Amino acid sequence: MTVYCKFGTALDILTGKWKSLILLRLLSNGTMRFSELQKAIPDISKKMLTQQLKELEYHDIVHREVYAQIPPKVEYSITEYGQLMKPVLQTMSNWGAGHVQHMEKLYGKEDEEVGANASDLRKIDSFQ
């Protein structure tokens, strides 16, 4: 397997519109219930949140704990293995913040979408 394939595997796990936000929320807040995650990421659909969590769970990044009670209770947290991603996400956050500043210097104002995403990335500092 080439280095590029391994890099691509890492990107597949981390990329996507919602995975970084899900990971950010879980790393910042610790254990969260499904409904808490959905409230923390209001634009995500229930179906998409479920799909993204299943993918992260499959890769052992996120742990899903189901409690046998009525009504059912399900909590999500970052696994010990998933905690290894903190430095990667921190580096990406730092680069994203620097990129926003770079774009502001080039174009004089912050692009609304780039700015919103960078704002989310800067919040990652709180889980160190």
Protein backbone atom coordinates (compact mmCIF):
# COMPACT_ATOMS: atom_id res chain seq x y z
CA MET A 1 0.00 0.00 0.00
CA THR A 2 1.41 3.40 -0.92
CA VAL A 3 1.63 6.39 1.37
CA TYR A 4 -1.08 8.11 -0.67
CA CYS A 5 -3.53 5.29 0.04
CA LYS A 6 -2.94 5.58 3.78
CA PHE A 7 -3.37 9.34 3.61
CA GLY A 8 -6.59 8.84 1.68
CA THR A 9 -7.86 6.47 4.35
CA ALA A 10 -7.32 9.12 7.02
CA LEU A 11 -9.07 11.73 4.90
CA ASP A 12 -12.02 9.42 4.28
CA ILE A 13 -12.54 9.06 8.01
CA LEU A 14 -12.21 12.78 8.77
CA THR A 15 -13.75 14.48 5.78
CA GLY A 16 -17.32 15.31 5.08
CA LYS A 17 -19.48 18.23 5.99
CA TRP A 18 -20.57 16.80 9.34
CA LYS A 19 -17.86 14.50 10.71
CA SER A 20 -15.56 17.29 11.81
CA LEU A 21 -18.45 19.05 13.57
CA ILE A 22 -19.53 15.83 15.29
CA LEU A 23 -15.98 15.16 16.45
CA LEU A 24 -15.57 18.77 17.56
CA ARG A 25 -18.72 18.60 19.69
CA LEU A 26 -17.79 15.26 21.26
CA LEU A 27 -14.21 16.29 21.97
CA SER A 28 -15.37 19.59 23.48
CA ASN A 29 -18.34 18.29 25.46
CA GLY A 30 -17.44 14.70 26.27
CA THR A 31 -20.29 12.20 26.25
CA MET A 32 -23.43 13.39 24.50
CA ARG A 33 -26.85 11.95 23.79
CA PHE A 34 -28.12 11.80 20.23
CA SER A 35 -30.58 14.63 20.82
CA GLU A 36 -27.82 16.81 22.31
CA LEU A 37 -25.68 16.26 19.23
CA GLN A 38 -28.60 17.10 16.98
CA LYS A 39 -29.23 20.35 18.90
CA ALA A 40 -25.52 21.20 18.80
CA ILE A 41 -25.51 20.77 15.00
CA PRO A 42 -28.93 22.14 14.04
CA ASP A 43 -28.54 21.92 10.25
CA ILE A 44 -27.85 18.17 10.22
CA SER A 45 -30.73 15.80 9.55
CA LYS A 46 -31.45 12.91 11.88
CA LYS A 47 -30.65 10.46 9.06
CA MET A 48 -27.30 12.10 8.26
CA LEU A 49 -26.29 12.31 11.93
CA THR A 50 -27.10 8.62 12.35
CA GLN A 51 -25.10 7.71 9.22
CA GLN A 52 -22.06 9.76 10.21
CA LEU A 53 -22.07 8.38 13.76
CA LYS A 54 -22.28 4.82 12.42
CA GLU A 55 -19.27 5.45 10.16
CA LEU A 56 -17.26 6.94 13.03
CA GLU A 57 -18.30 4.04 15.27
CA TYR A 58 -17.24 1.52 12.61
CA HIS A 59 -13.76 3.08 12.56
CA ASP A 60 -13.58 2.98 16.39
CA ILE A 61 -13.47 6.76 16.63
CA VAL A 62 -16.82 7.08 18.40
CA HIS A 63 -18.29 4.77 21.05
CA ARG A 64 -22.05 4.20 21.18
CA GLU A 65 -23.49 3.21 24.55
CA VAL A 66 -27.08 1.93 24.62
CA TYR A 67 -28.87 1.81 27.96
CA ALA A 68 -31.66 -0.74 28.44
CA GLN A 69 -34.35 1.55 29.72
CA ILE A 70 -37.60 3.10 28.61
CA PRO A 71 -37.44 5.48 26.90
CA PRO A 72 -34.24 4.26 25.25
CA LYS A 73 -31.09 6.19 26.04
CA VAL A 74 -28.08 6.26 23.72
CA GLU A 75 -24.88 8.17 24.41
CA TYR A 76 -21.87 8.85 22.19
CA SER A 77 -18.30 9.57 23.18
CA ILE A 78 -14.83 9.58 21.65
CA THR A 79 -12.99 6.28 22.08
CA GLU A 80 -9.50 6.04 23.50
CA TYR A 81 -8.32 5.33 19.96
CA GLY A 82 -10.28 8.34 18.69
CA GLN A 83 -8.51 10.57 21.24
CA LEU A 84 -5.36 10.04 19.15
CA MET A 85 -6.93 12.34 16.54
CA LYS A 86 -6.76 15.39 18.83
CA PRO A 87 -3.35 16.58 17.57
CA VAL A 88 -4.44 16.10 13.95
CA LEU A 89 -7.63 18.07 14.49
CA GLN A 90 -5.73 20.75 16.44
CA THR A 91 -3.26 21.15 13.59
CA MET A 92 -6.12 21.41 11.10
CA SER A 93 -7.80 23.98 13.35
CA ASN A 94 -4.65 26.08 13.55
CA TRP A 95 -4.21 25.94 9.79
CA GLY A 96 -7.89 26.85 9.26
CA ALA A 97 -7.60 29.89 11.52
CA GLY A 98 -4.46 30.98 9.70
CA HIS A 99 -6.15 30.45 6.35
CA VAL A 100 -9.03 32.74 7.33
CA GLN A 101 -6.50 35.46 8.22
CA HIS A 102 -4.69 34.86 4.93
CA MET A 103 -7.93 35.20 2.96
CA GLU A 104 -8.82 38.38 4.86
CA LYS A 105 -5.45 39.86 3.86
CA LEU A 106 -5.99 38.84 0.23
CA TYR A 107 -9.60 39.94 -0.13
CA GLY A 108 -10.18 42.38 2.69
CA LYS A 109 -13.11 40.63 4.32
CA GLU A 110 -14.02 37.21 5.58
CA ASP A 111 -16.01 34.95 3.27
CA GLU A 112 -19.17 34.07 5.22
CA GLU A 113 -18.93 30.30 4.66
CA VAL A 114 -15.17 30.10 5.20
CA GLY A 115 -15.54 32.24 8.31
CA ALA A 116 -18.27 30.04 9.79
CA ASN A 117 -16.24 26.87 9.25
CA ALA A 118 -13.10 28.46 10.67
CA SER A 119 -15.07 29.61 13.70
CA ASP A 120 -16.07 25.99 14.35
CA LEU A 121 -12.46 24.90 13.92
CA ARG A 122 -11.20 27.49 16.40
CA LYS A 123 -13.48 25.99 19.06
CA ILE A 124 -11.37 22.86 18.94
CA ASP A 125 -8.80 24.66 21.10
CA SER A 126 -11.05 24.06 24.11
CA PHE A 127 -10.54 20.27 24.19
CA GLN A 128 -6.80 20.24 24.82
